[in-house]
Amino acid sequence: MREEETSAETDFGFQRVPEREKASLVRDVFDSVATRYDLMNDLMSGGIHRWWKAEMVRALRPRPGQLLLDVGGGTGDVALRALPHLVPKEGERRADVGDGGAVVCDPNEQMLETGRARAIDGGILAGVEWIAGDAEALPFPDRSFDLYAIAFALRNVTRIEAALADARRVLKPGGRFICLEFSPAVSPLLQPLYDFYSFGFLPLLGQVVTGDRDAYVYLVESIRRFPAQSRLAAMIREAGLERARFRNLTGGIVALHSAWRL
């Protein structure tokens, strides 16, 4: 078993690399682009990623007193969008409702520092924590969170099955799971343009804005290696999460997956 684990390989974009190396390779990618990450999201999606994330938060249906875990949350975009719905307003607190809030968990310290600084600059001083951690082995007790969100991060983990299993572990019974992720195939009408944009334009844009073309080559390749929507839904069910379903957004460029821990 030890020899099999040592020699096991996984995808890093279109490359095959030892499983033990993928996490550090992904960290290097995001270290390189951390300070320009949110700007690149705006530029490469034309700002539409903001609508995708707004749809994600709507699907979560966060309520005052609930605790959200934003996994692979990086600069905290999803958590900060959800935060006003999670923290009870002054004068509206009840004995049966906790303080609520969000935890951003990401393996990349530079992404977390960027997000924390941005939150402080925006006057957000409470209600959100920033914790370094691995999606496959989250540093939290069982049944800790009401809501689990992972946006554009699941394809970066080494073992998707392990990350999904840990998502179930940290959710409370009745907890909600939401995953927003790019899809490997889109509407046939969009596919030729999408391929040209992905392989031709995005790496060039990444080079100009961040100085790192290879990071955005990896991004595009990681999308093409990611499971199709129906396969990911099956993997979510296999992890023990129930009522798994998905909804395509923007012609299938991204999909919003949801499930429950019951």
C-alpha atoms as a PDB file:
ATOM      1  CA  MET A   1       0.000   0.000   0.000  1.00  0.00           C
ATOM      2  CA  ARG A   2       2.809   2.408   0.889  1.00  0.00           C
ATOM      3  CA  GLU A   3       4.475   1.864  -2.505  1.00  0.00           C
ATOM      4  CA  GLU A   4       1.148   2.481  -4.316  1.00  0.00           C
ATOM      5  CA  GLU A   5       0.594   5.694  -2.396  1.00  0.00           C
ATOM      6  CA  THR A   6       4.131   6.863  -3.199  1.00  0.00           C
ATOM      7  CA  SER A   7       3.757   6.219  -6.918  1.00  0.00           C
ATOM      8  CA  ALA A   8       0.152   7.456  -7.296  1.00  0.00           C
ATOM      9  CA  GLU A   9      -0.284  10.245  -9.827  1.00  0.00           C
ATOM     10  CA  THR A  10      -2.916  12.884 -10.469  1.00  0.00           C
ATOM     11  CA  ASP A  11      -3.660  15.640 -12.957  1.00  0.00           C
ATOM     12  CA  PHE A  12      -2.013  19.034 -12.733  1.00  0.00           C
ATOM     13  CA  GLY A  13      -3.602  20.610 -15.758  1.00  0.00           C
ATOM     14  CA  PHE A  14      -2.682  18.369 -18.679  1.00  0.00           C
ATOM     15  CA  GLN A  15       0.398  17.059 -16.855  1.00  0.00           C
ATOM     16  CA  ARG A  16       0.545  13.970 -14.669  1.00  0.00           C
ATOM     17  CA  VAL A  17       2.362  14.574 -11.389  1.00  0.00           C
ATOM     18  CA  PRO A  18       2.843  12.586  -8.172  1.00  0.00           C
ATOM     19  CA  GLU A  19      -0.118  13.135  -5.826  1.00  0.00           C
ATOM     20  CA  ARG A  20       2.229  14.281  -3.064  1.00  0.00           C
ATOM     21  CA  GLU A  21       3.414  17.200  -5.260  1.00  0.00           C
ATOM     22  CA  LYS A  22       0.129  18.643  -6.512  1.00  0.00           C
ATOM     23  CA  ALA A  23      -0.766  20.711  -3.440  1.00  0.00           C
ATOM     24  CA  SER A  24       2.564  22.567  -3.504  1.00  0.00           C
ATOM     25  CA  LEU A  25       2.309  23.136  -7.261  1.00  0.00           C
ATOM     26  CA  VAL A  26      -1.174  24.640  -6.843  1.00  0.00           C
ATOM     27  CA  ARG A  27       0.057  26.839  -3.978  1.00  0.00           C
ATOM     28  CA  ASP A  28       2.824  28.143  -6.231  1.00  0.00           C
ATOM     29  CA  VAL A  29       0.224  29.071  -8.871  1.00  0.00           C
ATOM     30  CA  PHE A  30      -1.840  31.111  -6.426  1.00  0.00           C
ATOM     31  CA  ASP A  31       1.179  32.626  -4.678  1.00  0.00           C
ATOM     32  CA  SER A  32       2.111  34.047  -8.073  1.00  0.00           C
ATOM     33  CA  VAL A  33      -1.253  35.677  -8.801  1.00  0.00           C
ATOM     34  CA  ALA A  34      -2.657  36.449  -5.313  1.00  0.00           C
ATOM     35  CA  THR A  35      -2.449  40.249  -5.457  1.00  0.00           C
ATOM     36  CA  ARG A  36      -4.056  40.403  -8.931  1.00  0.00           C
ATOM     37  CA  TYR A  37      -6.433  37.439  -8.515  1.00  0.00           C
ATOM     38  CA  ASP A  38      -9.667  39.396  -8.097  1.00  0.00           C
ATOM     39  CA  LEU A  39      -8.744  41.825 -10.881  1.00  0.00           C
ATOM     40  CA  MET A  40      -8.108  38.886 -13.215  1.00  0.00           C
ATOM     41  CA  ASN A  41     -11.483  37.368 -12.288  1.00  0.00           C
ATOM     42  CA  ASP A  42     -13.164  40.598 -13.360  1.00  0.00           C
ATOM     43  CA  LEU A  43     -11.193  40.887 -16.580  1.00  0.00           C
ATOM     44  CA  MET A  44     -11.402  37.292 -17.759  1.00  0.00           C
ATOM     45  CA  SER A  45     -15.127  36.917 -17.010  1.00  0.00           C
ATOM     46  CA  GLY A  46     -16.180  40.433 -17.949  1.00  0.00           C
ATOM     47  CA  GLY A  47     -17.416  40.766 -14.377  1.00  0.00           C
ATOM     48  CA  ILE A  48     -19.922  37.939 -14.721  1.00  0.00           C
ATOM     49  CA  HIS A  49     -18.214  35.960 -11.939  1.00  0.00           C
ATOM     50  CA  ARG A  50     -19.898  38.402  -9.557  1.00  0.00           C
ATOM     51  CA  TRP A  51     -23.322  37.264 -10.775  1.00  0.00           C
ATOM     52  CA  TRP A  52     -22.283  33.598 -10.529  1.00  0.00           C
ATOM     53  CA  LYS A  53     -21.242  34.112  -6.912  1.00  0.00           C
ATOM     54  CA  ALA A  54     -24.415  36.068  -6.158  1.00  0.00           C
ATOM     55  CA  GLU A  55     -26.385  33.080  -7.488  1.00  0.00           C
ATOM     56  CA  MET A  56     -24.330  30.819  -5.243  1.00  0.00           C
ATOM     57  CA  VAL A  57     -25.152  32.870  -2.157  1.00  0.00           C
ATOM     58  CA  ARG A  58     -28.836  32.939  -3.125  1.00  0.00           C
ATOM     59  CA  ALA A  59     -28.796  29.144  -3.415  1.00  0.00           C
ATOM     60  CA  LEU A  60     -27.177  28.873   0.025  1.00  0.00           C
ATOM     61  CA  ARG A  61     -30.036  30.883   1.576  1.00  0.00           C
ATOM     62  CA  PRO A  62     -27.908  32.048   4.534  1.00  0.00           C
ATOM     63  CA  ARG A  63     -29.811  33.067   7.661  1.00  0.00           C
ATOM     64  CA  PRO A  64     -28.842  35.063  10.747  1.00  0.00           C
ATOM     65  CA  GLY A  65     -27.025  32.920  13.272  1.00  0.00           C
ATOM     66  CA  GLN A  66     -25.701  30.378  10.771  1.00  0.00           C
ATOM     67  CA  LEU A  67     -22.014  29.601  10.328  1.00  0.00           C
ATOM     68  CA  LEU A  68     -20.610  29.356   6.795  1.00  0.00           C
ATOM     69  CA  LEU A  69     -17.392  27.633   5.770  1.00  0.00           C
ATOM     70  CA  ASP A  70     -15.951  29.050   2.535  1.00  0.00           C
ATOM     71  CA  VAL A  71     -13.435  26.396   1.411  1.00  0.00           C
ATOM     72  CA  GLY A  72     -10.706  27.408  -0.995  1.00  0.00           C
ATOM     73  CA  GLY A  73     -12.175  30.832  -0.339  1.00  0.00           C
ATOM     74  CA  GLY A  74      -8.969  32.716  -1.126  1.00  0.00           C
ATOM     75  CA  THR A  75      -9.723  36.414  -0.823  1.00  0.00           C
ATOM     76  CA  GLY A  76     -13.140  35.735   0.722  1.00  0.00           C
ATOM     77  CA  ASP A  77     -15.365  36.885  -2.116  1.00  0.00           C
ATOM     78  CA  VAL A  78     -18.155  34.406  -1.343  1.00  0.00           C
ATOM     79  CA  ALA A  79     -17.910  34.664   2.439  1.00  0.00           C
ATOM     80  CA  LEU A  80     -18.034  38.460   2.401  1.00  0.00           C
ATOM     81  CA  ARG A  81     -21.073  38.394   0.113  1.00  0.00           C
ATOM     82  CA  ALA A  82     -22.874  36.065   2.504  1.00  0.00           C
ATOM     83  CA  LEU A  83     -21.783  37.789   5.724  1.00  0.00           C
ATOM     84  CA  PRO A  84     -24.565  40.426   5.923  1.00  0.00           C
ATOM     85  CA  HIS A  85     -27.124  37.588   5.857  1.00  0.00           C
ATOM     86  CA  LEU A  86     -25.351  35.572   8.580  1.00  0.00           C
ATOM     87  CA  VAL A  87     -24.747  38.105  11.322  1.00  0.00           C
ATOM     88  CA  PRO A  88     -27.887  39.256  13.148  1.00  0.00           C
ATOM     89  CA  LYS A  89     -28.382  42.980  13.102  1.00  0.00           C
ATOM     90  CA  GLU A  90     -28.235  44.909  16.342  1.00  0.00           C
ATOM     91  CA  GLY A  91     -31.632  44.835  18.001  1.00  0.00           C
ATOM     92  CA  GLU A  92     -32.642  41.674  16.132  1.00  0.00           C
ATOM     93  CA  ARG A  93     -30.686  39.135  18.188  1.00  0.00           C
ATOM     94  CA  ARG A  94     -32.662  36.328  19.781  1.00  0.00           C
ATOM     95  CA  ALA A  95     -31.721  33.818  22.465  1.00  0.00           C
ATOM     96  CA  ASP A  96     -32.172  30.937  19.996  1.00  0.00           C
ATOM     97  CA  VAL A  97     -29.914  32.460  17.309  1.00  0.00           C
ATOM     98  CA  GLY A  98     -26.129  32.391  17.549  1.00  0.00           C
ATOM     99  CA  ASP A  99     -23.785  35.151  16.479  1.00  0.00           C
ATOM    100  CA  GLY A 100     -23.345  33.675  13.020  1.00  0.00           C
ATOM    101  CA  GLY A 101     -20.554  34.463  10.612  1.00  0.00           C
ATOM    102  CA  ALA A 102     -18.141  32.951   8.123  1.00  0.00           C
ATOM    103  CA  VAL A 103     -14.804  31.164   8.074  1.00  0.00           C
ATOM    104  CA  VAL A 104     -12.599  31.451   4.983  1.00  0.00           C
ATOM    105  CA  CYS A 105     -10.351  28.394   4.727  1.00  0.00           C
ATOM    106  CA  ASP A 106      -7.638  28.243   2.062  1.00  0.00           C
ATOM    107  CA  PRO A 107      -4.212  26.574   1.819  1.00  0.00           C
ATOM    108  CA  ASN A 108      -2.634  29.730   0.428  1.00  0.00           C
ATOM    109  CA  GLU A 109      -1.524  32.243   3.067  1.00  0.00           C
ATOM    110  CA  GLN A 110      -0.986  35.038   0.534  1.00  0.00           C
ATOM    111  CA  MET A 111      -4.560  34.750  -0.736  1.00  0.00           C
ATOM    112  CA  LEU A 112      -5.859  34.874   2.840  1.00  0.00           C
ATOM    113  CA  GLU A 113      -3.710  37.902   3.670  1.00  0.00           C
ATOM    114  CA  THR A 114      -4.984  39.703   0.565  1.00  0.00           C
ATOM    115  CA  GLY A 115      -8.581  38.965   1.534  1.00  0.00           C
ATOM    116  CA  ARG A 116      -8.107  39.919   5.177  1.00  0.00           C
ATOM    117  CA  ALA A 117      -6.516  43.238   4.229  1.00  0.00           C
ATOM    118  CA  ARG A 118      -9.284  43.986   1.757  1.00  0.00           C
ATOM    119  CA  ALA A 119     -11.953  43.217   4.372  1.00  0.00           C
ATOM    120  CA  ILE A 120     -10.295  45.528   6.904  1.00  0.00           C
ATOM    121  CA  ASP A 121     -10.020  48.270   4.284  1.00  0.00           C
ATOM    122  CA  GLY A 122     -13.762  47.825   3.707  1.00  0.00           C
ATOM    123  CA  GLY A 123     -14.503  48.240   7.431  1.00  0.00           C
ATOM    124  CA  ILE A 124     -15.275  44.538   8.026  1.00  0.00           C
ATOM    125  CA  LEU A 125     -13.607  43.864  11.367  1.00  0.00           C
ATOM    126  CA  ALA A 126     -15.786  41.101  12.809  1.00  0.00           C
ATOM    127  CA  GLY A 127     -17.856  38.116  11.773  1.00  0.00           C
ATOM    128  CA  VAL A 128     -15.271  36.477   9.509  1.00  0.00           C
ATOM    129  CA  GLU A 129     -12.195  34.390  10.289  1.00  0.00           C
ATOM    130  CA  TRP A 130      -9.306  33.542   7.955  1.00  0.00           C
ATOM    131  CA  ILE A 131      -7.759  30.115   8.507  1.00  0.00           C
ATOM    132  CA  ALA A 132      -5.179  28.196   6.488  1.00  0.00           C
ATOM    133  CA  GLY A 133      -6.293  24.645   5.776  1.00  0.00           C
ATOM    134  CA  ASP A 134      -6.588  21.806   3.300  1.00  0.00           C
ATOM    135  CA  ALA A 135      -9.982  20.927   1.778  1.00  0.00           C
ATOM    136  CA  GLU A 136      -9.160  17.231   2.100  1.00  0.00           C
ATOM    137  CA  ALA A 137      -8.423  17.446   5.846  1.00  0.00           C
ATOM    138  CA  LEU A 138     -10.212  20.514   7.199  1.00  0.00           C
ATOM    139  CA  PRO A 139      -8.947  21.775  10.588  1.00  0.00           C
ATOM    140  CA  PHE A 140     -12.421  21.793  12.158  1.00  0.00           C
ATOM    141  CA  PRO A 141     -14.427  19.390  14.337  1.00  0.00           C
ATOM    142  CA  ASP A 142     -17.204  17.200  12.983  1.00  0.00           C
ATOM    143  CA  ARG A 143     -20.613  18.876  12.509  1.00  0.00           C
ATOM    144  CA  SER A 144     -19.285  22.430  12.926  1.00  0.00           C
ATOM    145  CA  PHE A 145     -20.999  24.353  10.101  1.00  0.00           C
ATOM    146  CA  ASP A 146     -24.491  25.050   8.813  1.00  0.00           C
ATOM    147  CA  LEU A 147     -23.285  25.919   5.310  1.00  0.00           C
ATOM    148  CA  TYR A 148     -20.362  24.772   3.152  1.00  0.00           C
ATOM    149  CA  ALA A 149     -19.377  26.659  -0.005  1.00  0.00           C
ATOM    150  CA  ILE A 150     -16.558  25.952  -2.439  1.00  0.00           C
ATOM    151  CA  ALA A 151     -16.197  28.210  -5.481  1.00  0.00           C
ATOM    152  CA  PHE A 152     -13.707  27.522  -8.285  1.00  0.00           C
ATOM    153  CA  ALA A 153     -11.502  25.509  -5.921  1.00  0.00           C
ATOM    154  CA  LEU A 154     -12.630  21.874  -6.043  1.00  0.00           C
ATOM    155  CA  ARG A 155     -10.736  21.225  -9.269  1.00  0.00           C
ATOM    156  CA  ASN A 156      -7.506  22.281  -7.520  1.00  0.00           C
ATOM    157  CA  VAL A 157      -7.605  19.613  -4.803  1.00  0.00           C
ATOM    158  CA  THR A 158      -5.589  16.430  -5.196  1.00  0.00           C
ATOM    159  CA  ARG A 159      -8.409  14.022  -4.329  1.00  0.00           C
ATOM    160  CA  ILE A 160     -11.902  15.329  -5.000  1.00  0.00           C
ATOM    161  CA  GLU A 161     -13.492  12.352  -3.226  1.00  0.00           C
ATOM    162  CA  ALA A 162     -11.594  13.161  -0.016  1.00  0.00           C
ATOM    163  CA  ALA A 163     -12.629  16.822  -0.151  1.00  0.00           C
ATOM    164  CA  LEU A 164     -16.292  15.897  -0.616  1.00  0.00           C
ATOM    165  CA  ALA A 165     -16.131  13.419   2.260  1.00  0.00           C
ATOM    166  CA  ASP A 166     -14.656  16.093   4.527  1.00  0.00           C
ATOM    167  CA  ALA A 167     -17.353  18.528   3.431  1.00  0.00           C
ATOM    168  CA  ARG A 168     -19.952  16.071   4.726  1.00  0.00           C
ATOM    169  CA  ARG A 169     -17.975  15.540   7.947  1.00  0.00           C
ATOM    170  CA  VAL A 170     -17.893  19.214   8.952  1.00  0.00           C
ATOM    171  CA  LEU A 171     -21.535  19.921   8.050  1.00  0.00           C
ATOM    172  CA  LYS A 172     -24.209  19.679  10.702  1.00  0.00           C
ATOM    173  CA  PRO A 173     -27.203  17.425   9.986  1.00  0.00           C
ATOM    174  CA  GLY A 174     -29.455  19.521   7.787  1.00  0.00           C
ATOM    175  CA  GLY A 175     -26.435  21.444   6.515  1.00  0.00           C
ATOM    176  CA  ARG A 176     -26.267  22.800   2.989  1.00  0.00           C
ATOM    177  CA  PHE A 177     -23.459  22.072   0.490  1.00  0.00           C
ATOM    178  CA  ILE A 178     -22.882  24.330  -2.537  1.00  0.00           C
ATOM    179  CA  CYS A 179     -20.155  24.064  -5.168  1.00  0.00           C
ATOM    180  CA  LEU A 180     -19.629  26.564  -7.995  1.00  0.00           C
ATOM    181  CA  GLU A 181     -17.216  25.308 -10.615  1.00  0.00           C
ATOM    182  CA  PHE A 182     -16.270  25.611 -14.250  1.00  0.00           C
ATOM    183  CA  SER A 183     -17.459  22.814 -16.524  1.00  0.00           C
ATOM    184  CA  PRO A 184     -15.264  21.010 -19.072  1.00  0.00           C
ATOM    185  CA  ALA A 185     -17.828  21.304 -21.886  1.00  0.00           C
ATOM    186  CA  VAL A 186     -20.285  24.056 -22.739  1.00  0.00           C
ATOM    187  CA  SER A 187     -23.166  24.563 -25.163  1.00  0.00           C
ATOM    188  CA  PRO A 188     -22.112  23.334 -28.648  1.00  0.00           C
ATOM    189  CA  LEU A 189     -22.839  26.805 -30.025  1.00  0.00           C
ATOM    190  CA  LEU A 190     -20.379  28.349 -27.576  1.00  0.00           C
ATOM    191  CA  GLN A 191     -17.676  25.674 -27.682  1.00  0.00           C
ATOM    192  CA  PRO A 192     -15.506  26.980 -30.588  1.00  0.00           C
ATOM    193  CA  LEU A 193     -15.440  30.520 -29.207  1.00  0.00           C
ATOM    194  CA  TYR A 194     -14.911  29.207 -25.678  1.00  0.00           C
ATOM    195  CA  ASP A 195     -11.933  27.103 -26.814  1.00  0.00           C
ATOM    196  CA  PHE A 196     -10.309  30.056 -28.600  1.00  0.00           C
ATOM    197  CA  TYR A 197     -10.894  32.332 -25.619  1.00  0.00           C
ATOM    198  CA  SER A 198      -9.598  29.747 -23.122  1.00  0.00           C
ATOM    199  CA  PHE A 199      -6.449  28.599 -24.879  1.00  0.00           C
ATOM    200  CA  GLY A 200      -5.618  31.731 -26.847  1.00  0.00           C
ATOM    201  CA  PHE A 201      -6.711  34.828 -24.967  1.00  0.00           C
ATOM    202  CA  LEU A 202      -6.683  33.903 -21.244  1.00  0.00           C
ATOM    203  CA  PRO A 203      -2.994  32.940 -20.976  1.00  0.00           C
ATOM    204  CA  LEU A 204      -2.044  36.148 -22.791  1.00  0.00           C
ATOM    205  CA  LEU A 205      -4.216  38.205 -20.439  1.00  0.00           C
ATOM    206  CA  GLY A 206      -2.660  36.434 -17.467  1.00  0.00           C
ATOM    207  CA  GLN A 207       0.812  37.290 -18.718  1.00  0.00           C
ATOM    208  CA  VAL A 208      -0.049  40.966 -19.166  1.00  0.00           C
ATOM    209  CA  VAL A 209      -1.878  41.428 -15.842  1.00  0.00           C
ATOM    210  CA  THR A 210      -0.017  39.089 -13.471  1.00  0.00           C
ATOM    211  CA  GLY A 211       3.215  38.356 -15.306  1.00  0.00           C
ATOM    212  CA  ASP A 212       2.472  34.633 -15.077  1.00  0.00           C
ATOM    213  CA  ARG A 213       1.168  33.051 -18.264  1.00  0.00           C
ATOM    214  CA  ASP A 214       1.651  29.506 -16.956  1.00  0.00           C
ATOM    215  CA  ALA A 215      -0.755  30.051 -14.058  1.00  0.00           C
ATOM    216  CA  TYR A 216      -3.596  30.689 -16.498  1.00  0.00           C
ATOM    217  CA  VAL A 217      -2.550  27.852 -18.788  1.00  0.00           C
ATOM    218  CA  TYR A 218      -2.967  25.641 -15.706  1.00  0.00           C
ATOM    219  CA  LEU A 219      -6.358  27.210 -14.958  1.00  0.00           C
ATOM    220  CA  VAL A 220      -7.676  26.397 -18.434  1.00  0.00           C
ATOM    221  CA  GLU A 221      -6.228  22.884 -18.438  1.00  0.00           C
ATOM    222  CA  SER A 222      -7.596  22.138 -14.955  1.00  0.00           C
ATOM    223  CA  ILE A 223     -11.093  22.995 -16.174  1.00  0.00           C
ATOM    224  CA  ARG A 224     -10.810  20.540 -19.068  1.00  0.00           C
ATOM    225  CA  ARG A 225      -9.662  17.779 -16.711  1.00  0.00           C
ATOM    226  CA  PHE A 226     -12.503  18.384 -14.231  1.00  0.00           C
ATOM    227  CA  PRO A 227     -15.421  15.897 -14.111  1.00  0.00           C
ATOM    228  CA  ALA A 228     -18.510  16.716 -16.155  1.00  0.00           C
ATOM    229  CA  GLN A 229     -21.563  17.958 -14.305  1.00  0.00           C
ATOM    230  CA  SER A 230     -23.357  14.593 -14.106  1.00  0.00           C
ATOM    231  CA  ARG A 231     -20.202  12.818 -12.912  1.00  0.00           C
ATOM    232  CA  LEU A 232     -19.552  15.399 -10.201  1.00  0.00           C
ATOM    233  CA  ALA A 233     -23.169  15.088  -9.021  1.00  0.00           C
ATOM    234  CA  ALA A 234     -22.630  11.320  -8.726  1.00  0.00           C
ATOM    235  CA  MET A 235     -19.402  11.881  -6.744  1.00  0.00           C
ATOM    236  CA  ILE A 236     -21.249  14.203  -4.353  1.00  0.00           C
ATOM    237  CA  ARG A 237     -23.845  11.490  -3.738  1.00  0.00           C
ATOM    238  CA  GLU A 238     -21.127   8.860  -3.285  1.00  0.00           C
ATOM    239  CA  ALA A 239     -19.604  11.055  -0.552  1.00  0.00           C
ATOM    240  CA  GLY A 240     -22.820  10.684   1.451  1.00  0.00           C
ATOM    241  CA  LEU A 241     -24.407  14.034   0.624  1.00  0.00           C
ATOM    242  CA  GLU A 242     -28.025  13.762  -0.442  1.00  0.00           C
ATOM    243  CA  ARG A 243     -30.405  15.378  -2.946  1.00  0.00           C
ATOM    244  CA  ALA A 244     -27.450  16.281  -5.155  1.00  0.00           C
ATOM    245  CA  ARG A 245     -28.378  18.306  -8.207  1.00  0.00           C
ATOM    246  CA  PHE A 246     -26.830  20.907 -10.471  1.00  0.00           C
ATOM    247  CA  ARG A 247     -27.846  23.922 -12.518  1.00  0.00           C
ATOM    248  CA  ASN A 248     -25.864  25.218 -15.496  1.00  0.00           C
ATOM    249  CA  LEU A 249     -25.138  28.929 -15.709  1.00  0.00           C
ATOM    250  CA  THR A 250     -24.089  30.915 -18.807  1.00  0.00           C
ATOM    251  CA  GLY A 251     -24.476  28.096 -21.293  1.00  0.00           C
ATOM    252  CA  GLY A 252     -22.762  25.572 -19.031  1.00  0.00           C
ATOM    253  CA  ILE A 253     -19.528  27.543 -18.644  1.00  0.00           C
ATOM    254  CA  VAL A 254     -20.074  27.054 -14.921  1.00  0.00           C
ATOM    255  CA  ALA A 255     -22.391  24.813 -12.932  1.00  0.00           C
ATOM    256  CA  LEU A 256     -23.878  25.286  -9.484  1.00  0.00           C
ATOM    257  CA  HIS A 257     -24.006  21.984  -7.564  1.00  0.00           C
ATOM    258  CA  SER A 258     -26.019  21.624  -4.374  1.00  0.00           C
ATOM    259  CA  ALA A 259     -26.703  18.899  -1.819  1.00  0.00           C
ATOM    260  CA  TRP A 260     -27.585  18.383   1.850  1.00  0.00           C
ATOM    261  CA  ARG A 261     -26.204  16.506   4.778  1.00  0.00           C
ATOM    262  CA  LEU A 262     -29.318  14.803   6.131  1.00  0.00           C
END
